[in-house]
Amino acid sequence: MAEIIQKDGTWTFDGETVRIVPGRDKSVGLLRRTLGELTVPLQALAGIAHEPGRKAGRLRLRLRYGADPLSQATGGKLEDASDPYQLTVQADRADVAEYFTDEVRNALLLDQVPTGPVDRYLLAGPAVPLTAAAGDGTVSFDGEQVRLEWNWKTEESKKSAGSRGIALADLDAVEWQPSAGLENGYLRFVVAKAATKAPAKYDPHAIELYGFRKDPLMALVAAAVTARLPHPAAPHAGTALPADSTALTKAAPEPGADGGDEHDALLRRLRELGELHRSGVLTDEEFTTAKQAILSRF
C-alpha cells in the first residue's frame, strides 16, 4: 500500500483504488470539503503525474473520459482549490509522491487499464439530497426533481414566474460554467420543450453565478444530476465519445478468469508485456518497470 499525507489531504492506494480524503487546510476549497472522501477505482484512471516544485509540487490524477460525473459536468473548469483530483505536495515529501506515482503507474501497466473513454460512470457522483445557494438563487436536487428558488438578487421578470420544479425525466442536460473575469457564470438545466437562448439572468431554468465563495457548490449539483442522466456513451445521449489513440487498450484477463491459478495468469501477463515491448508499444523503461511489478507478485 502507498500513502501520502499532506495538509491538502491524504491519498492512499491499495492496488485497486485511490482513496482521497480532503485536508482541513484553508487552501482546501469548499467543494472538496463538502464532497468529502472519494474512492477512485483503478479502472477509472487514465494516468497520474507528479509535478515537483521548489517549495511545493502537485500530484494529479487523470481520469478516463466518462468515468466521473463531476469531471463530466465541470469539463476541466474547476479551480485548483476545488479540484479533488490534485494534491499539493510539500518539497520534502517529493520522494513519497514519486513512490506513490510509481505504484499507481505500475498497477495501471500490470492490469493493462485502457486510457480511453468508458461507457458508464465508474464513480457515483455526489450524494443526494443536495442543496446549494449561490448567485441569484437556490437549487435543490433529491434524485428525481430539481427545484429552483429565487432571492432578492434575481431579475424581476425571472422571479415573477415563481419557484421552478423540473423532473429529472424532463431534463436533456445540465450545464455549469464558472464566472470568469467580468463574465458571470451559471448553472443551467436544459429542458427540450422549454429551450431558450436567454442569458442565465433571464432564464427561469438557470442560476446566475457572480464568482463568490459558494459558487463551486453548484458544480456538485450539476454532477449529481449528470450522474443520473444518460451516460454520454448511451445511444440516445447524442454525444460521441472521443476515440482512444493509445495502443494499450486491450483489457487483460483477471487472474483465474480462465480456470488457471494466479501464477499462470502472471506468466501470461509477462508474455503479453514482452509482445508489447517487442512491437514498440512499451519503451525499455516501461517494460522493465512493469516486469518488475509482476515478478514481485510471484
C-alpha atoms as a PDB file:
ATOM      1  CA  MET A   1       0.000   0.000   0.000  1.00  0.00           C
ATOM      2  CA  ALA A   2       1.149   3.543  -0.777  1.00  0.00           C
ATOM      3  CA  GLU A   3       0.072   6.612   1.166  1.00  0.00           C
ATOM      4  CA  ILE A   4       0.901  10.304   1.165  1.00  0.00           C
ATOM      5  CA  ILE A   5      -0.350  12.633   3.908  1.00  0.00           C
ATOM      6  CA  GLN A   6      -0.318  16.402   3.391  1.00  0.00           C
ATOM      7  CA  LYS A   7      -2.142  19.449   4.759  1.00  0.00           C
ATOM      8  CA  ASP A   8      -4.042  19.463   1.486  1.00  0.00           C
ATOM      9  CA  GLY A   9      -5.321  15.931   2.081  1.00  0.00           C
ATOM     10  CA  THR A  10      -4.415  12.260   2.183  1.00  0.00           C
ATOM     11  CA  TRP A  11      -4.194   9.862  -0.750  1.00  0.00           C
ATOM     12  CA  THR A  12      -3.998   6.105  -0.229  1.00  0.00           C
ATOM     13  CA  PHE A  13      -3.547   3.432  -2.902  1.00  0.00           C
ATOM     14  CA  ASP A  14      -4.188  -0.244  -2.102  1.00  0.00           C
ATOM     15  CA  GLY A  15      -3.553  -1.648  -5.581  1.00  0.00           C
ATOM     16  CA  GLU A  16      -7.196  -1.388  -6.663  1.00  0.00           C
ATOM     17  CA  THR A  17      -8.433   2.051  -5.604  1.00  0.00           C
ATOM     18  CA  VAL A  18      -7.128   5.515  -4.789  1.00  0.00           C
ATOM     19  CA  ARG A  19      -8.795   6.801  -1.631  1.00  0.00           C
ATOM     20  CA  ILE A  20      -8.880  10.602  -1.436  1.00  0.00           C
ATOM     21  CA  VAL A  21      -9.579  12.365   1.864  1.00  0.00           C
ATOM     22  CA  PRO A  22      -9.566  16.195   1.750  1.00  0.00           C
ATOM     23  CA  GLY A  23      -7.460  18.032   4.313  1.00  0.00           C
ATOM     24  CA  ARG A  24      -8.546  20.782   6.671  1.00  0.00           C
ATOM     25  CA  ASP A  25      -6.069  23.380   5.494  1.00  0.00           C
ATOM     26  CA  LYS A  26      -7.503  26.758   4.495  1.00  0.00           C
ATOM     27  CA  SER A  27      -6.295  26.127   0.943  1.00  0.00           C
ATOM     28  CA  VAL A  28      -8.798  23.256   0.552  1.00  0.00           C
ATOM     29  CA  GLY A  29     -11.815  24.601  -1.316  1.00  0.00           C
ATOM     30  CA  LEU A  30     -15.419  24.423  -0.122  1.00  0.00           C
ATOM     31  CA  LEU A  31     -16.342  21.995  -2.908  1.00  0.00           C
ATOM     32  CA  ARG A  32     -13.712  19.455  -1.807  1.00  0.00           C
ATOM     33  CA  ARG A  33     -14.667  19.734   1.837  1.00  0.00           C
ATOM     34  CA  THR A  34     -18.358  19.328   1.020  1.00  0.00           C
ATOM     35  CA  LEU A  35     -17.767  16.433  -1.367  1.00  0.00           C
ATOM     36  CA  GLY A  36     -15.758  14.599   1.287  1.00  0.00           C
ATOM     37  CA  GLU A  37     -13.967  11.286   0.819  1.00  0.00           C
ATOM     38  CA  LEU A  38     -13.698   9.766  -2.660  1.00  0.00           C
ATOM     39  CA  THR A  39     -12.794   6.252  -3.729  1.00  0.00           C
ATOM     40  CA  VAL A  40     -11.495   6.134  -7.304  1.00  0.00           C
ATOM     41  CA  PRO A  41     -11.234   2.644  -8.845  1.00  0.00           C
ATOM     42  CA  LEU A  42      -8.096   1.855 -10.836  1.00  0.00           C
ATOM     43  CA  GLN A  43     -10.218   1.218 -13.941  1.00  0.00           C
ATOM     44  CA  ALA A  44     -11.348   4.871 -13.855  1.00  0.00           C
ATOM     45  CA  LEU A  45      -7.790   6.202 -14.192  1.00  0.00           C
ATOM     46  CA  ALA A  46      -6.087   7.222 -17.405  1.00  0.00           C
ATOM     47  CA  GLY A  47      -2.881   8.220 -15.609  1.00  0.00           C
ATOM     48  CA  ILE A  48      -1.156  10.024 -12.761  1.00  0.00           C
ATOM     49  CA  ALA A  49       1.551  12.688 -12.688  1.00  0.00           C
ATOM     50  CA  HIS A  50       3.821  14.252 -10.101  1.00  0.00           C
ATOM     51  CA  GLU A  51       4.817  17.831 -10.844  1.00  0.00           C
ATOM     52  CA  PRO A  52       7.645  18.777  -8.435  1.00  0.00           C
ATOM     53  CA  GLY A  53       8.225  22.371  -7.394  1.00  0.00           C
ATOM     54  CA  ARG A  54      10.810  24.335  -5.431  1.00  0.00           C
ATOM     55  CA  LYS A  55       8.524  24.889  -2.443  1.00  0.00           C
ATOM     56  CA  ALA A  56       5.600  22.646  -3.302  1.00  0.00           C
ATOM     57  CA  GLY A  57       4.671  20.313  -6.110  1.00  0.00           C
ATOM     58  CA  ARG A  58       1.477  18.639  -7.159  1.00  0.00           C
ATOM     59  CA  LEU A  59       0.048  15.172  -7.664  1.00  0.00           C
ATOM     60  CA  ARG A  60      -2.593  14.922 -10.364  1.00  0.00           C
ATOM     61  CA  LEU A  61      -4.929  12.085 -11.282  1.00  0.00           C
ATOM     62  CA  ARG A  62      -6.159  11.938 -14.861  1.00  0.00           C
ATOM     63  CA  LEU A  63      -9.499  10.196 -15.198  1.00  0.00           C
ATOM     64  CA  ARG A  64     -10.814   8.414 -18.263  1.00  0.00           C
ATOM     65  CA  TYR A  65     -13.447  10.291 -20.229  1.00  0.00           C
ATOM     66  CA  GLY A  66     -16.933   9.427 -18.995  1.00  0.00           C
ATOM     67  CA  ALA A  67     -15.782   7.775 -15.756  1.00  0.00           C
ATOM     68  CA  ASP A  68     -16.680  10.569 -13.344  1.00  0.00           C
ATOM     69  CA  PRO A  69     -19.886  12.682 -13.262  1.00  0.00           C
ATOM     70  CA  LEU A  70     -18.083  15.610 -11.590  1.00  0.00           C
ATOM     71  CA  SER A  71     -15.401  15.767 -14.285  1.00  0.00           C
ATOM     72  CA  GLN A  72     -18.090  15.357 -16.939  1.00  0.00           C
ATOM     73  CA  ALA A  73     -20.162  18.235 -15.532  1.00  0.00           C
ATOM     74  CA  THR A  74     -17.283  20.653 -14.979  1.00  0.00           C
ATOM     75  CA  GLY A  75     -15.231  19.918 -18.102  1.00  0.00           C
ATOM     76  CA  GLY A  76     -11.871  20.727 -16.522  1.00  0.00           C
ATOM     77  CA  LYS A  77     -13.004  24.203 -15.431  1.00  0.00           C
ATOM     78  CA  LEU A  78     -12.683  23.711 -11.668  1.00  0.00           C
ATOM     79  CA  GLU A  79     -10.130  25.958  -9.995  1.00  0.00           C
ATOM     80  CA  ASP A  80      -7.227  24.240  -8.240  1.00  0.00           C
ATOM     81  CA  ALA A  81      -8.632  24.679  -4.725  1.00  0.00           C
ATOM     82  CA  SER A  82     -11.846  22.916  -5.783  1.00  0.00           C
ATOM     83  CA  ASP A  83     -10.327  20.074  -7.812  1.00  0.00           C
ATOM     84  CA  PRO A  84     -10.412  16.827  -5.771  1.00  0.00           C
ATOM     85  CA  TYR A  85      -8.071  15.063  -8.207  1.00  0.00           C
ATOM     86  CA  GLN A  86      -4.968  17.068  -7.380  1.00  0.00           C
ATOM     87  CA  LEU A  87      -2.938  17.245  -4.191  1.00  0.00           C
ATOM     88  CA  THR A  88      -0.423  19.882  -3.137  1.00  0.00           C
ATOM     89  CA  VAL A  89       2.835  18.150  -2.094  1.00  0.00           C
ATOM     90  CA  GLN A  90       5.499  19.857   0.004  1.00  0.00           C
ATOM     91  CA  ALA A  91       9.021  19.705  -1.429  1.00  0.00           C
ATOM     92  CA  ASP A  92      10.313  17.497   1.393  1.00  0.00           C
ATOM     93  CA  ARG A  93       7.708  14.849   0.501  1.00  0.00           C
ATOM     94  CA  ALA A  94       8.537  14.724  -3.188  1.00  0.00           C
ATOM     95  CA  ASP A  95      10.116  11.273  -2.836  1.00  0.00           C
ATOM     96  CA  VAL A  96       6.895   9.939  -1.319  1.00  0.00           C
ATOM     97  CA  ALA A  97       4.915  11.459  -4.184  1.00  0.00           C
ATOM     98  CA  GLU A  98       7.239   9.789  -6.701  1.00  0.00           C
ATOM     99  CA  TYR A  99       6.798   6.434  -4.964  1.00  0.00           C
ATOM    100  CA  PHE A 100       3.010   6.880  -4.950  1.00  0.00           C
ATOM    101  CA  THR A 101       3.068   7.766  -8.648  1.00  0.00           C
ATOM    102  CA  ASP A 102       5.186   4.719  -9.498  1.00  0.00           C
ATOM    103  CA  GLU A 103       2.854   2.398  -7.567  1.00  0.00           C
ATOM    104  CA  VAL A 104      -0.227   3.636  -9.428  1.00  0.00           C
ATOM    105  CA  ARG A 105       1.539   3.560 -12.810  1.00  0.00           C
ATOM    106  CA  ASN A 106       2.808   0.032 -12.204  1.00  0.00           C
ATOM    107  CA  ALA A 107      -0.704  -1.114 -11.356  1.00  0.00           C
ATOM    108  CA  LEU A 108      -2.104   0.522 -14.499  1.00  0.00           C
ATOM    109  CA  LEU A 109       0.538  -1.214 -16.606  1.00  0.00           C
ATOM    110  CA  LEU A 110       0.164  -4.540 -14.873  1.00  0.00           C
ATOM    111  CA  ASP A 111      -3.614  -4.567 -15.224  1.00  0.00           C
ATOM    112  CA  GLN A 112      -3.363  -3.034 -18.715  1.00  0.00           C
ATOM    113  CA  VAL A 113      -6.057  -0.479 -17.899  1.00  0.00           C
ATOM    114  CA  PRO A 114      -7.124   1.286 -21.109  1.00  0.00           C
ATOM    115  CA  THR A 115      -6.755   5.057 -21.183  1.00  0.00           C
ATOM    116  CA  GLY A 116      -9.710   5.618 -23.488  1.00  0.00           C
ATOM    117  CA  PRO A 117     -13.324   6.524 -22.710  1.00  0.00           C
ATOM    118  CA  VAL A 118     -15.717   4.332 -20.745  1.00  0.00           C
ATOM    119  CA  ASP A 119     -19.372   3.556 -21.423  1.00  0.00           C
ATOM    120  CA  ARG A 120     -20.656   4.046 -17.871  1.00  0.00           C
ATOM    121  CA  TYR A 121     -19.861   6.114 -14.820  1.00  0.00           C
ATOM    122  CA  LEU A 122     -17.368   4.375 -12.543  1.00  0.00           C
ATOM    123  CA  LEU A 123     -17.860   6.912  -9.732  1.00  0.00           C
ATOM    124  CA  ALA A 124     -21.263   7.524  -8.207  1.00  0.00           C
ATOM    125  CA  GLY A 125     -21.173  11.304  -8.025  1.00  0.00           C
ATOM    126  CA  PRO A 126     -22.275  13.475  -5.067  1.00  0.00           C
ATOM    127  CA  ALA A 127     -24.871  12.030  -2.707  1.00  0.00           C
ATOM    128  CA  VAL A 128     -28.447  13.341  -2.721  1.00  0.00           C
ATOM    129  CA  PRO A 129     -30.499  15.098  -1.471  1.00  0.00           C
ATOM    130  CA  LEU A 130     -28.323  18.123  -2.154  1.00  0.00           C
ATOM    131  CA  THR A 131     -28.959  21.854  -1.814  1.00  0.00           C
ATOM    132  CA  ALA A 132     -26.768  24.798  -2.793  1.00  0.00           C
ATOM    133  CA  ALA A 133     -27.358  28.528  -2.576  1.00  0.00           C
ATOM    134  CA  ALA A 134     -25.307  30.981  -4.629  1.00  0.00           C
ATOM    135  CA  GLY A 135     -25.749  33.755  -7.130  1.00  0.00           C
ATOM    136  CA  ASP A 136     -29.398  34.673  -7.702  1.00  0.00           C
ATOM    137  CA  GLY A 137     -30.991  31.527  -6.313  1.00  0.00           C
ATOM    138  CA  THR A 138     -31.038  28.209  -4.502  1.00  0.00           C
ATOM    139  CA  VAL A 139     -31.164  24.804  -6.175  1.00  0.00           C
ATOM    140  CA  SER A 140     -32.175  21.507  -4.580  1.00  0.00           C
ATOM    141  CA  PHE A 141     -31.999  18.025  -6.061  1.00  0.00           C
ATOM    142  CA  ASP A 142     -33.447  14.888  -4.468  1.00  0.00           C
ATOM    143  CA  GLY A 143     -32.507  12.421  -7.193  1.00  0.00           C
ATOM    144  CA  GLU A 144     -35.800  12.782  -9.058  1.00  0.00           C
ATOM    145  CA  GLN A 145     -36.553  16.500  -9.223  1.00  0.00           C
ATOM    146  CA  VAL A 146     -34.648  19.773  -9.443  1.00  0.00           C
ATOM    147  CA  ARG A 147     -36.159  22.736  -7.615  1.00  0.00           C
ATOM    148  CA  LEU A 148     -35.118  26.346  -8.205  1.00  0.00           C
ATOM    149  CA  GLU A 149     -35.950  29.164  -5.793  1.00  0.00           C
ATOM    150  CA  TRP A 150     -35.036  32.831  -6.190  1.00  0.00           C
ATOM    151  CA  ASN A 151     -33.617  35.505  -3.899  1.00  0.00           C
ATOM    152  CA  TRP A 152     -33.530  39.304  -3.752  1.00  0.00           C
ATOM    153  CA  LYS A 153     -30.802  39.453  -6.421  1.00  0.00           C
ATOM    154  CA  THR A 154     -32.939  37.687  -9.046  1.00  0.00           C
ATOM    155  CA  GLU A 155     -34.003  39.736 -12.058  1.00  0.00           C
ATOM    156  CA  GLU A 156     -37.687  40.642 -11.623  1.00  0.00           C
ATOM    157  CA  SER A 157     -39.023  39.019 -14.807  1.00  0.00           C
ATOM    158  CA  LYS A 158     -37.461  35.690 -13.800  1.00  0.00           C
ATOM    159  CA  LYS A 159     -38.584  35.949 -10.191  1.00  0.00           C
ATOM    160  CA  SER A 160     -42.171  36.767 -11.176  1.00  0.00           C
ATOM    161  CA  ALA A 161     -42.659  33.253 -12.546  1.00  0.00           C
ATOM    162  CA  GLY A 162     -42.089  31.874  -9.047  1.00  0.00           C
ATOM    163  CA  SER A 163     -40.180  28.809  -7.935  1.00  0.00           C
ATOM    164  CA  ARG A 164     -39.486  26.192 -10.580  1.00  0.00           C
ATOM    165  CA  GLY A 165     -39.628  22.400 -10.329  1.00  0.00           C
ATOM    166  CA  ILE A 166     -38.095  20.245 -13.076  1.00  0.00           C
ATOM    167  CA  ALA A 167     -38.489  16.472 -13.159  1.00  0.00           C
ATOM    168  CA  LEU A 168     -35.331  14.545 -13.985  1.00  0.00           C
ATOM    169  CA  ALA A 169     -37.222  12.786 -16.792  1.00  0.00           C
ATOM    170  CA  ASP A 170     -37.768  16.166 -18.491  1.00  0.00           C
ATOM    171  CA  LEU A 171     -34.095  17.151 -18.456  1.00  0.00           C
ATOM    172  CA  ASP A 172     -31.957  16.867 -21.565  1.00  0.00           C
ATOM    173  CA  ALA A 173     -28.759  18.160 -19.978  1.00  0.00           C
ATOM    174  CA  VAL A 174     -27.246  20.248 -17.222  1.00  0.00           C
ATOM    175  CA  GLU A 175     -24.608  22.912 -17.869  1.00  0.00           C
ATOM    176  CA  TRP A 176     -22.216  24.511 -15.381  1.00  0.00           C
ATOM    177  CA  GLN A 177     -19.991  27.448 -16.239  1.00  0.00           C
ATOM    178  CA  PRO A 178     -17.863  29.279 -13.646  1.00  0.00           C
ATOM    179  CA  SER A 179     -17.602  33.051 -13.703  1.00  0.00           C
ATOM    180  CA  ALA A 180     -14.505  34.398 -15.445  1.00  0.00           C
ATOM    181  CA  GLY A 181     -13.318  37.971 -15.333  1.00  0.00           C
ATOM    182  CA  LEU A 182     -16.292  40.235 -15.901  1.00  0.00           C
ATOM    183  CA  GLU A 183     -18.430  37.369 -17.210  1.00  0.00           C
ATOM    184  CA  ASN A 184     -20.850  35.786 -14.753  1.00  0.00           C
ATOM    185  CA  GLY A 185     -21.201  32.017 -14.618  1.00  0.00           C
ATOM    186  CA  TYR A 186     -24.308  29.862 -14.456  1.00  0.00           C
ATOM    187  CA  LEU A 187     -25.903  26.535 -13.647  1.00  0.00           C
ATOM    188  CA  ARG A 188     -28.434  25.806 -16.387  1.00  0.00           C
ATOM    189  CA  PHE A 189     -30.929  22.962 -16.708  1.00  0.00           C
ATOM    190  CA  VAL A 190     -31.750  22.249 -20.335  1.00  0.00           C
ATOM    191  CA  VAL A 191     -35.380  21.266 -20.951  1.00  0.00           C
ATOM    192  CA  ALA A 192     -36.057  20.497 -24.622  1.00  0.00           C
ATOM    193  CA  LYS A 193     -39.680  21.647 -24.600  1.00  0.00           C
ATOM    194  CA  ALA A 194     -38.726  24.921 -22.944  1.00  0.00           C
ATOM    195  CA  ALA A 195     -35.348  25.600 -24.523  1.00  0.00           C
ATOM    196  CA  THR A 196     -34.194  29.204 -24.520  1.00  0.00           C
ATOM    197  CA  LYS A 197     -31.129  31.139 -25.587  1.00  0.00           C
ATOM    198  CA  ALA A 198     -31.712  33.816 -22.971  1.00  0.00           C
ATOM    199  CA  PRO A 199     -28.795  34.680 -20.651  1.00  0.00           C
ATOM    200  CA  ALA A 200     -28.888  32.991 -17.249  1.00  0.00           C
ATOM    201  CA  LYS A 201     -30.005  36.297 -15.730  1.00  0.00           C
ATOM    202  CA  TYR A 202     -33.371  35.904 -17.502  1.00  0.00           C
ATOM    203  CA  ASP A 203     -33.577  32.112 -17.898  1.00  0.00           C
ATOM    204  CA  PRO A 204     -36.073  30.573 -15.398  1.00  0.00           C
ATOM    205  CA  HIS A 205     -34.191  27.267 -15.655  1.00  0.00           C
ATOM    206  CA  ALA A 206     -30.813  28.743 -14.677  1.00  0.00           C
ATOM    207  CA  ILE A 207     -28.975  30.117 -11.670  1.00  0.00           C
ATOM    208  CA  GLU A 208     -26.700  33.069 -12.432  1.00  0.00           C
ATOM    209  CA  LEU A 209     -23.353  32.946 -10.598  1.00  0.00           C
ATOM    210  CA  TYR A 210     -21.334  36.007  -9.626  1.00  0.00           C
ATOM    211  CA  GLY A 211     -17.989  34.470  -8.694  1.00  0.00           C
ATOM    212  CA  PHE A 212     -18.443  34.242  -4.934  1.00  0.00           C
ATOM    213  CA  ARG A 213     -17.195  31.608  -2.473  1.00  0.00           C
ATOM    214  CA  LYS A 214     -20.184  29.248  -2.688  1.00  0.00           C
ATOM    215  CA  ASP A 215     -20.334  29.126  -6.494  1.00  0.00           C
ATOM    216  CA  PRO A 216     -18.406  25.806  -6.748  1.00  0.00           C
ATOM    217  CA  LEU A 217     -21.158  24.072  -4.753  1.00  0.00           C
ATOM    218  CA  MET A 218     -23.352  24.482  -7.835  1.00  0.00           C
ATOM    219  CA  ALA A 219     -20.891  22.203  -9.628  1.00  0.00           C
ATOM    220  CA  LEU A 220     -21.767  19.473  -7.113  1.00  0.00           C
ATOM    221  CA  VAL A 221     -25.436  19.785  -8.036  1.00  0.00           C
ATOM    222  CA  ALA A 222     -24.505  19.632 -11.709  1.00  0.00           C
ATOM    223  CA  ALA A 223     -22.512  16.457 -11.046  1.00  0.00           C
ATOM    224  CA  ALA A 224     -25.312  14.820  -9.034  1.00  0.00           C
ATOM    225  CA  VAL A 225     -27.777  15.459 -11.871  1.00  0.00           C
ATOM    226  CA  THR A 226     -25.269  14.384 -14.535  1.00  0.00           C
ATOM    227  CA  ALA A 227     -24.765  11.052 -12.742  1.00  0.00           C
ATOM    228  CA  ARG A 228     -28.467  10.315 -13.163  1.00  0.00           C
ATOM    229  CA  LEU A 229     -28.833  11.406 -16.784  1.00  0.00           C
ATOM    230  CA  PRO A 230     -27.981   9.039 -19.673  1.00  0.00           C
ATOM    231  CA  HIS A 231     -24.247   8.473 -19.996  1.00  0.00           C
ATOM    232  CA  PRO A 232     -22.573  10.189 -22.983  1.00  0.00           C
ATOM    233  CA  ALA A 233     -21.963   6.745 -24.479  1.00  0.00           C
ATOM    234  CA  ALA A 234     -25.665   5.848 -24.424  1.00  0.00           C
ATOM    235  CA  PRO A 235     -27.117   5.546 -27.967  1.00  0.00           C
ATOM    236  CA  HIS A 236     -29.751   8.218 -27.234  1.00  0.00           C
ATOM    237  CA  ALA A 237     -27.368  10.582 -25.458  1.00  0.00           C
ATOM    238  CA  GLY A 238     -26.289  12.136 -28.749  1.00  0.00           C
ATOM    239  CA  THR A 239     -22.649  12.639 -27.739  1.00  0.00           C
ATOM    240  CA  ALA A 240     -19.919  10.565 -29.317  1.00  0.00           C
ATOM    241  CA  LEU A 241     -17.070   9.523 -27.064  1.00  0.00           C
ATOM    242  CA  PRO A 242     -13.595  10.611 -28.176  1.00  0.00           C
ATOM    243  CA  ALA A 243     -11.526   7.958 -29.870  1.00  0.00           C
ATOM    244  CA  ASP A 244      -8.786   6.285 -27.863  1.00  0.00           C
ATOM    245  CA  SER A 245      -5.469   6.979 -29.551  1.00  0.00           C
ATOM    246  CA  THR A 246      -3.397   4.789 -27.253  1.00  0.00           C
ATOM    247  CA  ALA A 247      -2.282   1.284 -28.109  1.00  0.00           C
ATOM    248  CA  LEU A 248      -2.750  -0.130 -24.605  1.00  0.00           C
ATOM    249  CA  THR A 249      -6.500  -0.638 -24.928  1.00  0.00           C
ATOM    250  CA  LYS A 250      -6.893  -4.381 -24.515  1.00  0.00           C
ATOM    251  CA  ALA A 251      -8.193  -5.411 -21.148  1.00  0.00           C
ATOM    252  CA  ALA A 252      -6.073  -8.175 -19.652  1.00  0.00           C
ATOM    253  CA  PRO A 253      -7.815 -11.248 -18.205  1.00  0.00           C
ATOM    254  CA  GLU A 254      -8.169 -11.306 -14.456  1.00  0.00           C
ATOM    255  CA  PRO A 255      -6.158 -13.893 -12.545  1.00  0.00           C
ATOM    256  CA  GLY A 256      -8.046 -17.143 -12.524  1.00  0.00           C
ATOM    257  CA  ALA A 257     -10.543 -15.968 -15.155  1.00  0.00           C
ATOM    258  CA  ASP A 258      -9.844 -18.949 -17.432  1.00  0.00           C
ATOM    259  CA  GLY A 259      -9.672 -21.503 -14.648  1.00  0.00           C
ATOM    260  CA  GLY A 260      -5.885 -21.211 -14.142  1.00  0.00           C
ATOM    261  CA  ASP A 261      -4.286 -20.042 -10.916  1.00  0.00           C
ATOM    262  CA  GLU A 262      -2.698 -16.658 -10.266  1.00  0.00           C
ATOM    263  CA  HIS A 263       0.789 -17.963 -11.141  1.00  0.00           C
ATOM    264  CA  ASP A 264      -0.338 -18.860 -14.664  1.00  0.00           C
ATOM    265  CA  ALA A 265      -2.103 -15.502 -15.029  1.00  0.00           C
ATOM    266  CA  LEU A 266       1.078 -13.631 -14.115  1.00  0.00           C
ATOM    267  CA  LEU A 267       3.075 -15.671 -16.625  1.00  0.00           C
ATOM    268  CA  ARG A 268       0.550 -14.776 -19.325  1.00  0.00           C
ATOM    269  CA  ARG A 269       0.920 -11.106 -18.465  1.00  0.00           C
ATOM    270  CA  LEU A 270       4.679 -11.361 -18.700  1.00  0.00           C
ATOM    271  CA  ARG A 271       4.318 -12.797 -22.197  1.00  0.00           C
ATOM    272  CA  GLU A 272       1.843 -10.046 -23.143  1.00  0.00           C
ATOM    273  CA  LEU A 273       4.183  -7.334 -21.890  1.00  0.00           C
ATOM    274  CA  GLY A 274       7.031  -8.934 -23.837  1.00  0.00           C
ATOM    275  CA  GLU A 275       4.970  -8.785 -27.015  1.00  0.00           C
ATOM    276  CA  LEU A 276       4.076  -5.131 -26.369  1.00  0.00           C
ATOM    277  CA  HIS A 277       7.766  -4.361 -25.797  1.00  0.00           C
ATOM    278  CA  ARG A 278       8.888  -6.116 -28.976  1.00  0.00           C
ATOM    279  CA  SER A 279       6.238  -4.357 -31.018  1.00  0.00           C
ATOM    280  CA  GLY A 280       7.428  -0.977 -29.711  1.00  0.00           C
ATOM    281  CA  VAL A 281       4.307  -0.134 -27.682  1.00  0.00           C
ATOM    282  CA  LEU A 282       6.279  -0.140 -24.405  1.00  0.00           C
ATOM    283  CA  THR A 283       9.628   1.582 -24.010  1.00  0.00           C
ATOM    284  CA  ASP A 284      12.528  -0.245 -22.357  1.00  0.00           C
ATOM    285  CA  GLU A 285      11.921   1.660 -19.126  1.00  0.00           C
ATOM    286  CA  GLU A 286       8.168   0.969 -19.115  1.00  0.00           C
ATOM    287  CA  PHE A 287       8.735  -2.712 -19.836  1.00  0.00           C
ATOM    288  CA  THR A 288      11.329  -3.065 -17.065  1.00  0.00           C
ATOM    289  CA  THR A 289       9.075  -1.323 -14.541  1.00  0.00           C
ATOM    290  CA  ALA A 290       6.044  -3.430 -15.434  1.00  0.00           C
ATOM    291  CA  LYS A 291       8.050  -6.648 -15.456  1.00  0.00           C
ATOM    292  CA  GLN A 292       9.462  -5.936 -12.010  1.00  0.00           C
ATOM    293  CA  ALA A 293       5.968  -5.261 -10.693  1.00  0.00           C
ATOM    294  CA  ILE A 294       4.788  -8.653 -11.981  1.00  0.00           C
ATOM    295  CA  LEU A 295       7.829 -10.547 -10.693  1.00  0.00           C
ATOM    296  CA  SER A 296       7.266  -9.066  -7.228  1.00  0.00           C
ATOM    297  CA  ARG A 297       3.905 -10.893  -7.110  1.00  0.00           C
ATOM    298  CA  PHE A 298       5.348 -14.364  -7.648  1.00  0.00           C
END
